[in-house]
């Protein structure tokens, strides 16, 4: 009998925003269960609510109604401090734009979140070096973002997100700022690491070719 529990569970998620005197409902009664190691793609046109749903699932925003459960822990009513701790310890994020720190080189950008989390500097450096080498950046460790190509910058951002060993990696249009060939290379790196380490992926994309790597595709 299969007793595997969902890594992430969303129940009756709704989200609305005030727009002048209007109440704009972006999400209404969304139910979603994501199992360990699953790759889920949220696809749909701009304004369909997919990025809003990803932000809620990643504990970066709160739903107007509904419950988010992460590893059987109910999260919707947790305080900001606990939600921050859960993001730090369980979740990783990669966005369309890499958001690297311009004054730090590649290895320092990957080290920094680990240091903030209390990881020893030597351990953080070795972990960062190992990840960047796995992502094909072994010769670019000391390069700052301005000295890296767009694809290389995005790979540094992926290494930074994976350095904490997240249970769930959230990808919000991770190749949207890249050309098609570079974007495919970046996704190939992510796919290889996911196959090896089994973390769960939730990604937002409007690209059907990218969505093909998913086990589950949800149209919004």
Foldseek 3Di string as FASTA:
>chain_A
DDPFAFQKWWFQFWAWDDDPPDIGTQDGGDTDTHGFLFEEEEAEDPSNCQVVVLCCRLLNDATPDTWMAGPNRTDRPDDPVVSVVCNLQAEFEAEQALPFDQVAFLLVSLLVSVVVVPDDSVVSSVLSCVQLVLLVCNVRRRPGPVVDDRLSSLSSSVSSRPSSVHLEYEYEQNCVVDPPVSSVSSLVSVLVVCVVSRHYYYYYDNDVVSSVSGPYYHYD
